[in-house]
Amino acid sequence: MLKLLLNEVLQPLVFPLYCVSFWTLVGLLLWSIWKATRDGVARLRRMHQIPCDRCVFFTNNHHLKCTVHPSKAMSEEAIGCRDFQPHEDATSTPKRCSQTSARSRIPDKRTKNKFPFFTR
């Protein structure tokens, strides 16, 4: 009787149950990856709104990051800071390596033997 129940009733149901549970797990995995990616991008966009690194009062020192608001510096509280004053060069684009002159990469003959004790 038990063998008949296993072979006739449960056996045809096992494979569809496995398929449904497998695709449910795959769907949940993809949904969680999508949700984590979406939340991460939203957080990243929010963090890029922090203006501290472009401010005059930002010291780039881990002991005192900002001279005006040290507790708010480099946090989400700094978004919309009333004391924000941009650097004069904050609007200009930084130079890339290809834009620098080749002359600056060639060592000067006068400084070649500046430290003779480091020669080979």
PDB file of N, CA and C in Angstrom:
ATOM      1  N   MET A   1       0.813  -1.192   0.000  1.00  0.00           N
ATOM      2  CA  MET A   1       0.000   0.000   0.000  1.00  0.00           C
ATOM      3  C   MET A   1       0.867   1.271   0.000  1.00  0.00           C
ATOM      4  N   LEU A   2       1.891   1.258   0.857  1.00  0.00           N
ATOM      5  CA  LEU A   2       2.786   2.411   0.924  1.00  0.00           C
ATOM      6  C   LEU A   2       3.573   2.573  -0.375  1.00  0.00           C
ATOM      7  N   LYS A   3       3.997   1.456  -0.943  1.00  0.00           N
ATOM      8  CA  LYS A   3       4.724   1.507  -2.203  1.00  0.00           C
ATOM      9  C   LYS A   3       3.833   2.008  -3.327  1.00  0.00           C
ATOM     10  N   LEU A   4       2.607   1.620  -3.312  1.00  0.00           N
ATOM     11  CA  LEU A   4       1.655   2.076  -4.311  1.00  0.00           C
ATOM     12  C   LEU A   4       1.432   3.581  -4.181  1.00  0.00           C
ATOM     13  N   LEU A   5       1.335   4.062  -2.957  1.00  0.00           N
ATOM     14  CA  LEU A   5       1.163   5.497  -2.718  1.00  0.00           C
ATOM     15  C   LEU A   5       2.375   6.275  -3.221  1.00  0.00           C
ATOM     16  N   LEU A   6       3.569   5.787  -2.941  1.00  0.00           N
ATOM     17  CA  LEU A   6       4.788   6.461  -3.390  1.00  0.00           C
ATOM     18  C   LEU A   6       4.901   6.464  -4.905  1.00  0.00           C
ATOM     19  N   ASN A   7       4.676   5.344  -5.537  1.00  0.00           N
ATOM     20  CA  ASN A   7       4.857   5.223  -6.983  1.00  0.00           C
ATOM     21  C   ASN A   7       3.754   5.908  -7.782  1.00  0.00           C
ATOM     22  N   GLU A   8       2.531   5.780  -7.342  1.00  0.00           N
ATOM     23  CA  GLU A   8       1.408   6.261  -8.141  1.00  0.00           C
ATOM     24  C   GLU A   8       1.043   7.731  -7.877  1.00  0.00           C
ATOM     25  N   VAL A   9       1.160   8.171  -6.639  1.00  0.00           N
ATOM     26  CA  VAL A   9       0.662   9.502  -6.295  1.00  0.00           C
ATOM     27  C   VAL A   9       1.794  10.520  -6.163  1.00  0.00           C
ATOM     28  N   LEU A  10       2.805  10.184  -5.385  1.00  0.00           N
ATOM     29  CA  LEU A  10       3.845  11.164  -5.084  1.00  0.00           C
ATOM     30  C   LEU A  10       4.906  11.299  -6.177  1.00  0.00           C
ATOM     31  N   GLN A  11       5.201  10.232  -6.867  1.00  0.00           N
ATOM     32  CA  GLN A  11       6.253  10.258  -7.887  1.00  0.00           C
ATOM     33  C   GLN A  11       5.957  11.263  -8.998  1.00  0.00           C
ATOM     34  N   PRO A  12       4.753  11.328  -9.522  1.00  0.00           N
ATOM     35  CA  PRO A  12       4.493  12.332 -10.572  1.00  0.00           C
ATOM     36  C   PRO A  12       4.519  13.777 -10.059  1.00  0.00           C
ATOM     37  N   LEU A  13       4.380  13.977  -8.749  1.00  0.00           N
ATOM     38  CA  LEU A  13       4.371  15.326  -8.196  1.00  0.00           C
ATOM     39  C   LEU A  13       5.756  15.840  -7.807  1.00  0.00           C
ATOM     40  N   VAL A  14       6.713  14.936  -7.656  1.00  0.00           N
ATOM     41  CA  VAL A  14       8.030  15.330  -7.167  1.00  0.00           C
ATOM     42  C   VAL A  14       8.756  16.232  -8.161  1.00  0.00           C
ATOM     43  N   PHE A  15       8.803  15.844  -9.412  1.00  0.00           N
ATOM     44  CA  PHE A  15       9.538  16.629 -10.398  1.00  0.00           C
ATOM     45  C   PHE A  15       8.943  18.031 -10.584  1.00  0.00           C
ATOM     46  N   PRO A  16       7.643  18.179 -10.741  1.00  0.00           N
ATOM     47  CA  PRO A  16       7.112  19.553 -10.844  1.00  0.00           C
ATOM     48  C   PRO A  16       7.360  20.395  -9.585  1.00  0.00           C
ATOM     49  N   LEU A  17       7.312  19.783  -8.411  1.00  0.00           N
ATOM     50  CA  LEU A  17       7.599  20.521  -7.181  1.00  0.00           C
ATOM     51  C   LEU A  17       9.052  20.983  -7.140  1.00  0.00           C
ATOM     52  N   TYR A  18       9.960  20.125  -7.580  1.00  0.00           N
ATOM     53  CA  TYR A  18      11.363  20.514  -7.646  1.00  0.00           C
ATOM     54  C   TYR A  18      11.557  21.663  -8.630  1.00  0.00           C
ATOM     55  N   CYS A  19      10.914  21.593  -9.776  1.00  0.00           N
ATOM     56  CA  CYS A  19      11.055  22.654 -10.777  1.00  0.00           C
ATOM     57  C   CYS A  19      10.508  23.981 -10.255  1.00  0.00           C
ATOM     58  N   VAL A  20       9.341  23.933  -9.661  1.00  0.00           N
ATOM     59  CA  VAL A  20       8.735  25.157  -9.142  1.00  0.00           C
ATOM     60  C   VAL A  20       9.599  25.742  -8.027  1.00  0.00           C
ATOM     61  N   SER A  21      10.087  24.908  -7.130  1.00  0.00           N
ATOM     62  CA  SER A  21      10.915  25.426  -6.031  1.00  0.00           C
ATOM     63  C   SER A  21      12.253  25.958  -6.554  1.00  0.00           C
ATOM     64  N   PHE A  22      12.837  25.298  -7.551  1.00  0.00           N
ATOM     65  CA  PHE A  22      14.087  25.769  -8.123  1.00  0.00           C
ATOM     66  C   PHE A  22      13.912  27.143  -8.766  1.00  0.00           C
ATOM     67  N   TRP A  23      12.897  27.294  -9.615  1.00  0.00           N
ATOM     68  CA  TRP A  23      12.693  28.572 -10.290  1.00  0.00           C
ATOM     69  C   TRP A  23      12.243  29.666  -9.324  1.00  0.00           C
ATOM     70  N   THR A  24      11.579  29.287  -8.240  1.00  0.00           N
ATOM     71  CA  THR A  24      11.245  30.266  -7.208  1.00  0.00           C
ATOM     72  C   THR A  24      12.511  30.785  -6.537  1.00  0.00           C
ATOM     73  N   LEU A  25      13.436  29.893  -6.222  1.00  0.00           N
ATOM     74  CA  LEU A  25      14.701  30.310  -5.617  1.00  0.00           C
ATOM     75  C   LEU A  25      15.530  31.162  -6.575  1.00  0.00           C
ATOM     76  N   VAL A  26      15.551  30.803  -7.837  1.00  0.00           N
ATOM     77  CA  VAL A  26      16.277  31.600  -8.827  1.00  0.00           C
ATOM     78  C   VAL A  26      15.654  32.991  -8.942  1.00  0.00           C
ATOM     79  N   GLY A  27      14.321  33.046  -8.966  1.00  0.00           N
ATOM     80  CA  GLY A  27      13.639  34.334  -9.027  1.00  0.00           C
ATOM     81  C   GLY A  27      13.926  35.192  -7.805  1.00  0.00           C
ATOM     82  N   LEU A  28      13.927  34.599  -6.629  1.00  0.00           N
ATOM     83  CA  LEU A  28      14.236  35.337  -5.405  1.00  0.00           C
ATOM     84  C   LEU A  28      15.679  35.831  -5.398  1.00  0.00           C
ATOM     85  N   LEU A  29      16.588  35.013  -5.893  1.00  0.00           N
ATOM     86  CA  LEU A  29      17.987  35.421  -5.980  1.00  0.00           C
ATOM     87  C   LEU A  29      18.153  36.615  -6.924  1.00  0.00           C
ATOM     88  N   LEU A  30      17.542  36.536  -8.108  1.00  0.00           N
ATOM     89  CA  LEU A  30      17.647  37.636  -9.063  1.00  0.00           C
ATOM     90  C   LEU A  30      16.980  38.903  -8.532  1.00  0.00           C
ATOM     91  N   TRP A  31      15.852  38.745  -7.852  1.00  0.00           N
ATOM     92  CA  TRP A  31      15.164  39.898  -7.282  1.00  0.00           C
ATOM     93  C   TRP A  31      16.016  40.565  -6.203  1.00  0.00           C
ATOM     94  N   SER A  32      16.666  39.758  -5.351  1.00  0.00           N
ATOM     95  CA  SER A  32      17.501  40.343  -4.300  1.00  0.00           C
ATOM     96  C   SER A  32      18.736  41.021  -4.890  1.00  0.00           C
ATOM     97  N   ILE A  33      19.308  40.465  -5.945  1.00  0.00           N
ATOM     98  CA  ILE A  33      20.450  41.109  -6.612  1.00  0.00           C
ATOM     99  C   ILE A  33      20.006  42.429  -7.234  1.00  0.00           C
ATOM    100  N   TRP A  34      18.844  42.438  -7.893  1.00  0.00           N
ATOM    101  CA  TRP A  34      18.322  43.664  -8.488  1.00  0.00           C
ATOM    102  C   TRP A  34      18.060  44.732  -7.424  1.00  0.00           C
ATOM    103  N   LYS A  35      17.459  44.328  -6.327  1.00  0.00           N
ATOM    104  CA  LYS A  35      17.139  45.278  -5.259  1.00  0.00           C
ATOM    105  C   LYS A  35      18.415  45.844  -4.630  1.00  0.00           C
ATOM    106  N   ALA A  36      19.413  44.991  -4.384  1.00  0.00           N
ATOM    107  CA  ALA A  36      20.673  45.452  -3.802  1.00  0.00           C
ATOM    108  C   ALA A  36      21.395  46.403  -4.755  1.00  0.00           C
ATOM    109  N   THR A  37      21.373  46.112  -6.040  1.00  0.00           N
ATOM    110  CA  THR A  37      22.014  46.979  -7.024  1.00  0.00           C
ATOM    111  C   THR A  37      21.299  48.326  -7.106  1.00  0.00           C
ATOM    112  N   ARG A  38      19.983  48.297  -7.124  1.00  0.00           N
ATOM    113  CA  ARG A  38      19.204  49.534  -7.190  1.00  0.00           C
ATOM    114  C   ARG A  38      19.437  50.400  -5.953  1.00  0.00           C
ATOM    115  N   ASP A  39      19.439  49.783  -4.785  1.00  0.00           N
ATOM    116  CA  ASP A  39      19.681  50.528  -3.552  1.00  0.00           C
ATOM    117  C   ASP A  39      21.109  51.059  -3.493  1.00  0.00           C
ATOM    118  N   GLY A  40      22.063  50.274  -3.980  1.00  0.00           N
ATOM    119  CA  GLY A  40      23.457  50.712  -3.998  1.00  0.00           C
ATOM    120  C   GLY A  40      23.674  51.897  -4.917  1.00  0.00           C
ATOM    121  N   VAL A  41      23.025  51.884  -6.078  1.00  0.00           N
ATOM    122  CA  VAL A  41      23.151  53.008  -7.011  1.00  0.00           C
ATOM    123  C   VAL A  41      22.508  54.255  -6.423  1.00  0.00           C
ATOM    124  N   ALA A  42      21.364  54.099  -5.766  1.00  0.00           N
ATOM    125  CA  ALA A  42      20.714  55.256  -5.140  1.00  0.00           C
ATOM    126  C   ALA A  42      21.587  55.833  -4.027  1.00  0.00           C
ATOM    127  N   ARG A  43      22.196  54.965  -3.241  1.00  0.00           N
ATOM    128  CA  ARG A  43      23.088  55.435  -2.169  1.00  0.00           C
ATOM    129  C   ARG A  43      24.323  56.112  -2.744  1.00  0.00           C
ATOM    130  N   LEU A  44      24.858  55.553  -3.810  1.00  0.00           N
ATOM    131  CA  LEU A  44      26.035  56.138  -4.452  1.00  0.00           C
ATOM    132  C   LEU A  44      25.728  57.525  -5.009  1.00  0.00           C
ATOM    133  N   ARG A  45      24.560  57.674  -5.631  1.00  0.00           N
ATOM    134  CA  ARG A  45      24.173  58.995  -6.134  1.00  0.00           C
ATOM    135  C   ARG A  45      24.019  59.986  -4.989  1.00  0.00           C
ATOM    136  N   ARG A  46      23.490  59.529  -3.884  1.00  0.00           N
ATOM    137  CA  ARG A  46      23.319  60.410  -2.717  1.00  0.00           C
ATOM    138  C   ARG A  46      24.694  60.821  -2.164  1.00  0.00           C
ATOM    139  N   MET A  47      25.641  59.889  -2.111  1.00  0.00           N
ATOM    140  CA  MET A  47      26.963  60.192  -1.577  1.00  0.00           C
ATOM    141  C   MET A  47      27.750  61.136  -2.490  1.00  0.00           C
ATOM    142  N   HIS A  48      27.475  61.091  -3.788  1.00  0.00           N
ATOM    143  CA  HIS A  48      28.169  61.993  -4.710  1.00  0.00           C
ATOM    144  C   HIS A  48      27.636  63.419  -4.627  1.00  0.00           C
ATOM    145  N   GLN A  49      26.581  63.632  -3.873  1.00  0.00           N
ATOM    146  CA  GLN A  49      26.065  64.977  -3.677  1.00  0.00           C
ATOM    147  C   GLN A  49      26.770  65.696  -2.529  1.00  0.00           C
ATOM    148  N   ILE A  50      27.592  64.984  -1.775  1.00  0.00           N
ATOM    149  CA  ILE A  50      28.313  65.600  -0.658  1.00  0.00           C
ATOM    150  C   ILE A  50      29.383  66.539  -1.234  1.00  0.00           C
ATOM    151  N   PRO A  51      29.319  67.838  -0.903  1.00  0.00           N
ATOM    152  CA  PRO A  51      30.212  68.801  -1.547  1.00  0.00           C
ATOM    153  C   PRO A  51      31.531  69.049  -0.812  1.00  0.00           C
ATOM    154  N   CYS A  52      31.807  68.332   0.244  1.00  0.00           N
ATOM    155  CA  CYS A  52      32.937  68.680   1.121  1.00  0.00           C
ATOM    156  C   CYS A  52      34.285  68.712   0.414  1.00  0.00           C
ATOM    157  N   ASP A  53      34.552  67.779  -0.468  1.00  0.00           N
ATOM    158  CA  ASP A  53      35.876  67.740  -1.095  1.00  0.00           C
ATOM    159  C   ASP A  53      36.102  68.890  -2.065  1.00  0.00           C
ATOM    160  N   ARG A  54      35.051  69.637  -2.406  1.00  0.00           N
ATOM    161  CA  ARG A  54      35.177  70.793  -3.285  1.00  0.00           C
ATOM    162  C   ARG A  54      35.080  72.112  -2.528  1.00  0.00           C
ATOM    163  N   CYS A  55      35.099  72.051  -1.195  1.00  0.00           N
ATOM    164  CA  CYS A  55      34.903  73.236  -0.361  1.00  0.00           C
ATOM    165  C   CYS A  55      36.245  73.825   0.079  1.00  0.00           C
ATOM    166  N   VAL A  56      36.248  75.124   0.298  1.00  0.00           N
ATOM    167  CA  VAL A  56      37.444  75.826   0.763  1.00  0.00           C
ATOM    168  C   VAL A  56      37.811  75.379   2.179  1.00  0.00           C
ATOM    169  N   PHE A  57      36.832  75.092   3.012  1.00  0.00           N
ATOM    170  CA  PHE A  57      37.068  74.763   4.406  1.00  0.00           C
ATOM    171  C   PHE A  57      37.457  73.301   4.633  1.00  0.00           C
ATOM    172  N   PHE A  58      37.453  72.487   3.584  1.00  0.00           N
ATOM    173  CA  PHE A  58      37.818  71.073   3.704  1.00  0.00           C
ATOM    174  C   PHE A  58      39.329  70.959   3.796  1.00  0.00           C
ATOM    175  N   THR A  59      39.821  70.294   4.844  1.00  0.00           N
ATOM    176  CA  THR A  59      41.267  70.236   5.078  1.00  0.00           C
ATOM    177  C   THR A  59      41.918  68.965   4.556  1.00  0.00           C
ATOM    178  N   ASN A  60      41.137  67.954   4.221  1.00  0.00           N
ATOM    179  CA  ASN A  60      41.654  66.656   3.771  1.00  0.00           C
ATOM    180  C   ASN A  60      42.555  66.024   4.825  1.00  0.00           C
ATOM    181  N   ASN A  61      42.227  66.244   6.060  1.00  0.00           N
ATOM    182  CA  ASN A  61      42.957  65.683   7.191  1.00  0.00           C
ATOM    183  C   ASN A  61      41.957  64.876   8.011  1.00  0.00           C
ATOM    184  N   HIS A  62      42.296  63.645   8.360  1.00  0.00           N
ATOM    185  CA  HIS A  62      41.316  62.814   9.064  1.00  0.00           C
ATOM    186  C   HIS A  62      41.076  63.263  10.503  1.00  0.00           C
ATOM    187  N   HIS A  63      41.938  64.100  11.058  1.00  0.00           N
ATOM    188  CA  HIS A  63      41.714  64.621  12.409  1.00  0.00           C
ATOM    189  C   HIS A  63      40.692  65.750  12.406  1.00  0.00           C
ATOM    190  N   LEU A  64      40.763  66.626  11.420  1.00  0.00           N
ATOM    191  CA  LEU A  64      39.837  67.745  11.294  1.00  0.00           C
ATOM    192  C   LEU A  64      39.498  67.895   9.815  1.00  0.00           C
ATOM    193  N   LYS A  65      38.384  67.306   9.413  1.00  0.00           N
ATOM    194  CA  LYS A  65      38.030  67.327   7.994  1.00  0.00           C
ATOM    195  C   LYS A  65      37.527  68.683   7.537  1.00  0.00           C
ATOM    196  N   CYS A  66      36.772  69.341   8.401  1.00  0.00           N
ATOM    197  CA  CYS A  66      36.205  70.638   8.045  1.00  0.00           C
ATOM    198  C   CYS A  66      36.408  71.584   9.209  1.00  0.00           C
ATOM    199  N   THR A  67      36.833  72.795   8.911  1.00  0.00           N
ATOM    200  CA  THR A  67      37.083  73.753   9.988  1.00  0.00           C
ATOM    201  C   THR A  67      35.803  74.404  10.487  1.00  0.00           C
ATOM    202  N   VAL A  68      34.735  74.377   9.712  1.00  0.00           N
ATOM    203  CA  VAL A  68      33.474  75.002  10.116  1.00  0.00           C
ATOM    204  C   VAL A  68      32.537  74.012  10.797  1.00  0.00           C
ATOM    205  N   HIS A  69      32.336  72.852  10.170  1.00  0.00           N
ATOM    206  CA  HIS A  69      31.450  71.813  10.709  1.00  0.00           C
ATOM    207  C   HIS A  69      32.194  70.481  10.771  1.00  0.00           C
ATOM    208  N   PRO A  70      33.026  70.270  11.764  1.00  0.00           N
ATOM    209  CA  PRO A  70      33.814  69.035  11.793  1.00  0.00           C
ATOM    210  C   PRO A  70      32.977  67.776  11.988  1.00  0.00           C
ATOM    211  N   SER A  71      31.845  67.878  12.655  1.00  0.00           N
ATOM    212  CA  SER A  71      31.045  66.669  12.893  1.00  0.00           C
ATOM    213  C   SER A  71      30.194  66.293  11.688  1.00  0.00           C
ATOM    214  N   LYS A  72      29.927  67.234  10.807  1.00  0.00           N
ATOM    215  CA  LYS A  72      29.094  66.971   9.636  1.00  0.00           C
ATOM    216  C   LYS A  72      29.903  66.666   8.384  1.00  0.00           C
ATOM    217  N   ALA A  73      31.179  66.893   8.412  1.00  0.00           N
ATOM    218  CA  ALA A  73      32.002  66.775   7.203  1.00  0.00           C
ATOM    219  C   ALA A  73      31.985  65.361   6.650  1.00  0.00           C
ATOM    220  N   MET A  74      31.877  65.271   5.350  1.00  0.00           N
ATOM    221  CA  MET A  74      31.887  64.021   4.591  1.00  0.00           C
ATOM    222  C   MET A  74      30.773  63.074   5.020  1.00  0.00           C
ATOM    223  N   SER A  75      29.643  63.604   5.450  1.00  0.00           N
ATOM    224  CA  SER A  75      28.479  62.790   5.781  1.00  0.00           C
ATOM    225  C   SER A  75      27.281  63.331   5.015  1.00  0.00           C
ATOM    226  N   GLU A  76      26.164  62.625   5.110  1.00  0.00           N
ATOM    227  CA  GLU A  76      24.969  63.072   4.402  1.00  0.00           C
ATOM    228  C   GLU A  76      24.423  64.374   4.982  1.00  0.00           C
ATOM    229  N   GLU A  77      24.789  64.682   6.195  1.00  0.00           N
ATOM    230  CA  GLU A  77      24.359  65.947   6.792  1.00  0.00           C
ATOM    231  C   GLU A  77      24.995  67.143   6.091  1.00  0.00           C
ATOM    232  N   ALA A  78      26.087  66.938   5.391  1.00  0.00           N
ATOM    233  CA  ALA A  78      26.785  68.036   4.723  1.00  0.00           C
ATOM    234  C   ALA A  78      26.136  68.429   3.400  1.00  0.00           C
ATOM    235  N   ILE A  79      25.191  67.633   2.913  1.00  0.00           N
ATOM    236  CA  ILE A  79      24.498  67.986   1.672  1.00  0.00           C
ATOM    237  C   ILE A  79      23.656  69.226   1.938  1.00  0.00           C
ATOM    238  N   GLY A  80      23.853  70.240   1.155  1.00  0.00           N
ATOM    239  CA  GLY A  80      23.140  71.499   1.340  1.00  0.00           C
ATOM    240  C   GLY A  80      23.741  72.369   2.429  1.00  0.00           C
ATOM    241  N   CYS A  81      25.023  72.234   2.702  1.00  0.00           N
ATOM    242  CA  CYS A  81      25.692  73.014   3.744  1.00  0.00           C
ATOM    243  C   CYS A  81      25.627  74.508   3.404  1.00  0.00           C
ATOM    244  N   ARG A  82      25.215  75.310   4.369  1.00  0.00           N
ATOM    245  CA  ARG A  82      25.078  76.750   4.137  1.00  0.00           C
ATOM    246  C   ARG A  82      26.429  77.442   4.051  1.00  0.00           C
ATOM    247  N   ASP A  83      27.463  76.855   4.619  1.00  0.00           N
ATOM    248  CA  ASP A  83      28.786  77.481   4.625  1.00  0.00           C
ATOM    249  C   ASP A  83      29.681  77.007   3.485  1.00  0.00           C
ATOM    250  N   PHE A  84      29.127  76.268   2.543  1.00  0.00           N
ATOM    251  CA  PHE A  84      29.917  75.744   1.429  1.00  0.00           C
ATOM    252  C   PHE A  84      30.402  76.888   0.544  1.00  0.00           C
ATOM    253  N   GLN A  85      31.709  76.903   0.313  1.00  0.00           N
ATOM    254  CA  GLN A  85      32.319  77.850  -0.620  1.00  0.00           C
ATOM    255  C   GLN A  85      33.261  77.057  -1.512  1.00  0.00           C
ATOM    256  N   PRO A  86      32.997  77.041  -2.806  1.00  0.00           N
ATOM    257  CA  PRO A  86      33.821  76.208  -3.688  1.00  0.00           C
ATOM    258  C   PRO A  86      35.222  76.785  -3.857  1.00  0.00           C
ATOM    259  N   HIS A  87      36.169  75.877  -4.139  1.00  0.00           N
ATOM    260  CA  HIS A  87      37.527  76.304  -4.503  1.00  0.00           C
ATOM    261  C   HIS A  87      37.460  77.097  -5.789  1.00  0.00           C
ATOM    262  N   GLU A  88      38.462  77.923  -6.034  1.00  0.00           N
ATOM    263  CA  GLU A  88      38.510  78.649  -7.294  1.00  0.00           C
ATOM    264  C   GLU A  88      38.731  77.698  -8.455  1.00  0.00           C
ATOM    265  N   ASP A  89      39.485  76.617  -8.220  1.00  0.00           N
ATOM    266  CA  ASP A  89      39.777  75.670  -9.294  1.00  0.00           C
ATOM    267  C   ASP A  89      38.812  74.496  -9.302  1.00  0.00           C
ATOM    268  N   ALA A  90      37.720  74.545  -8.540  1.00  0.00           N
ATOM    269  CA  ALA A  90      36.780  73.431  -8.479  1.00  0.00           C
ATOM    270  C   ALA A  90      35.987  73.294  -9.771  1.00  0.00           C
ATOM    271  N   THR A  91      35.824  74.385 -10.510  1.00  0.00           N
ATOM    272  CA  THR A  91      35.064  74.317 -11.749  1.00  0.00           C
ATOM    273  C   THR A  91      35.914  73.851 -12.920  1.00  0.00           C
ATOM    274  N   SER A  92      37.214  73.975 -12.814  1.00  0.00           N
ATOM    275  CA  SER A  92      38.072  73.542 -13.907  1.00  0.00           C
ATOM    276  C   SER A  92      38.265  72.036 -13.853  1.00  0.00           C
ATOM    277  N   THR A  93      38.458  71.465 -15.011  1.00  0.00           N
ATOM    278  CA  THR A  93      38.666  70.025 -15.075  1.00  0.00           C
ATOM    279  C   THR A  93      40.130  69.717 -14.807  1.00  0.00           C
ATOM    280  N   PRO A  94      40.409  68.665 -14.066  1.00  0.00           N
ATOM    281  CA  PRO A  94      41.807  68.334 -13.786  1.00  0.00           C
ATOM    282  C   PRO A  94      42.517  67.847 -15.035  1.00  0.00           C
ATOM    283  N   LYS A  95      43.821  68.097 -15.098  1.00  0.00           N
ATOM    284  CA  LYS A  95      44.605  67.653 -16.237  1.00  0.00           C
ATOM    285  C   LYS A  95      44.835  66.153 -16.142  1.00  0.00           C
ATOM    286  N   ARG A  96      44.820  65.534 -17.291  1.00  0.00           N
ATOM    287  CA  ARG A  96      45.105  64.112 -17.351  1.00  0.00           C
ATOM    288  C   ARG A  96      46.572  63.930 -17.721  1.00  0.00           C
ATOM    289  N   CYS A  97      47.042  62.725 -17.574  1.00  0.00           N
ATOM    290  CA  CYS A  97      48.452  62.456 -17.869  1.00  0.00           C
ATOM    291  C   CYS A  97      48.786  62.748 -19.324  1.00  0.00           C
ATOM    292  N   SER A  98      47.851  62.508 -20.219  1.00  0.00           N
ATOM    293  CA  SER A  98      48.130  62.741 -21.631  1.00  0.00           C
ATOM    294  C   SER A  98      48.194  64.224 -21.949  1.00  0.00           C
ATOM    295  N   GLN A  99      47.619  65.080 -21.085  1.00  0.00           N
ATOM    296  CA  GLN A  99      47.629  66.513 -21.328  1.00  0.00           C
ATOM    297  C   GLN A  99      48.886  67.188 -20.781  1.00  0.00           C
ATOM    298  N   THR A 100      49.628  66.516 -19.929  1.00  0.00           N
ATOM    299  CA  THR A 100      50.844  67.117 -19.397  1.00  0.00           C
ATOM    300  C   THR A 100      51.932  67.047 -20.451  1.00  0.00           C
ATOM    301  N   SER A 101      52.863  67.926 -20.344  1.00  0.00           N
ATOM    302  CA  SER A 101      53.916  67.963 -21.354  1.00  0.00           C
ATOM    303  C   SER A 101      54.895  66.819 -21.131  1.00  0.00           C
ATOM    304  N   ALA A 102      55.494  66.386 -22.216  1.00  0.00           N
ATOM    305  CA  ALA A 102      56.473  65.306 -22.130  1.00  0.00           C
ATOM    306  C   ALA A 102      57.741  65.792 -21.442  1.00  0.00           C
ATOM    307  N   ARG A 103      57.984  67.069 -21.477  1.00  0.00           N
ATOM    308  CA  ARG A 103      59.178  67.639 -20.856  1.00  0.00           C
ATOM    309  C   ARG A 103      59.174  67.429 -19.347  1.00  0.00           C
ATOM    310  N   SER A 104      57.988  67.444 -18.710  1.00  0.00           N
ATOM    311  CA  SER A 104      57.926  67.296 -17.258  1.00  0.00           C
ATOM    312  C   SER A 104      58.254  65.876 -16.814  1.00  0.00           C
ATOM    313  N   ARG A 105      58.191  64.916 -17.724  1.00  0.00           N
ATOM    314  CA  ARG A 105      58.494  63.542 -17.358  1.00  0.00           C
ATOM    315  C   ARG A 105      59.964  63.178 -17.579  1.00  0.00           C
ATOM    316  N   ILE A 106      60.691  64.012 -18.300  1.00  0.00           N
ATOM    317  CA  ILE A 106      62.102  63.744 -18.565  1.00  0.00           C
ATOM    318  C   ILE A 106      62.915  64.324 -17.409  1.00  0.00           C
ATOM    319  N   PRO A 107      63.759  63.526 -16.758  1.00  0.00           N
ATOM    320  CA  PRO A 107      64.540  64.063 -15.637  1.00  0.00           C
ATOM    321  C   PRO A 107      65.572  65.076 -16.116  1.00  0.00           C
ATOM    322  N   ASP A 108      65.770  66.075 -15.316  1.00  0.00           N
ATOM    323  CA  ASP A 108      66.728  67.137 -15.626  1.00  0.00           C
ATOM    324  C   ASP A 108      68.139  66.632 -15.327  1.00  0.00           C
ATOM    325  N   LYS A 109      69.103  67.001 -16.165  1.00  0.00           N
ATOM    326  CA  LYS A 109      70.477  66.549 -15.973  1.00  0.00           C
ATOM    327  C   LYS A 109      71.072  67.114 -14.690  1.00  0.00           C
ATOM    328  N   ARG A 110      70.626  68.283 -14.280  1.00  0.00           N
ATOM    329  CA  ARG A 110      71.170  68.892 -13.064  1.00  0.00           C
ATOM    330  C   ARG A 110      70.751  68.136 -11.814  1.00  0.00           C
ATOM    331  N   THR A 111      69.593  67.480 -11.829  1.00  0.00           N
ATOM    332  CA  THR A 111      69.126  66.759 -10.645  1.00  0.00           C
ATOM    333  C   THR A 111      69.445  65.273 -10.702  1.00  0.00           C
ATOM    334  N   LYS A 112      70.113  64.846 -11.750  1.00  0.00           N
ATOM    335  CA  LYS A 112      70.397  63.420 -11.903  1.00  0.00           C
ATOM    336  C   LYS A 112      71.286  62.906 -10.782  1.00  0.00           C
ATOM    337  N   ASN A 113      72.344  63.606 -10.435  1.00  0.00           N
ATOM    338  CA  ASN A 113      73.257  63.171  -9.377  1.00  0.00           C
ATOM    339  C   ASN A 113      73.088  64.017  -8.112  1.00  0.00           C
ATOM    340  N   LYS A 114      71.885  64.390  -7.833  1.00  0.00           N
ATOM    341  CA  LYS A 114      71.627  65.201  -6.658  1.00  0.00           C
ATOM    342  C   LYS A 114      71.906  64.410  -5.382  1.00  0.00           C
ATOM    343  N   PHE A 115      71.615  63.111  -5.409  1.00  0.00           N
ATOM    344  CA  PHE A 115      71.877  62.237  -4.267  1.00  0.00           C
ATOM    345  C   PHE A 115      72.826  61.132  -4.720  1.00  0.00           C
ATOM    346  N   PRO A 116      74.142  61.363  -4.693  1.00  0.00           N
ATOM    347  CA  PRO A 116      75.072  60.389  -5.258  1.00  0.00           C
ATOM    348  C   PRO A 116      75.130  59.088  -4.473  1.00  0.00           C
ATOM    349  N   PHE A 117      74.701  59.065  -3.215  1.00  0.00           N
ATOM    350  CA  PHE A 117      74.769  57.837  -2.447  1.00  0.00           C
ATOM    351  C   PHE A 117      73.679  56.857  -2.844  1.00  0.00           C
ATOM    352  N   PHE A 118      72.698  57.274  -3.719  1.00  0.00           N
ATOM    353  CA  PHE A 118      71.671  56.368  -4.192  1.00  0.00           C
ATOM    354  C   PHE A 118      71.983  55.815  -5.570  1.00  0.00           C
ATOM    355  N   THR A 119      73.155  56.078  -6.104  1.00  0.00           N
ATOM    356  CA  THR A 119      73.514  55.590  -7.426  1.00  0.00           C
ATOM    357  C   THR A 119      73.831  54.114  -7.374  1.00  0.00           C
ATOM    358  N   ARG A 120      73.776  53.488  -8.504  1.00  0.00           N
ATOM    359  CA  ARG A 120      74.020  52.043  -8.570  1.00  0.00           C
ATOM    360  C   ARG A 120      75.462  51.713  -8.657  1.00  0.00           C
TER     361      ARG A 120
END
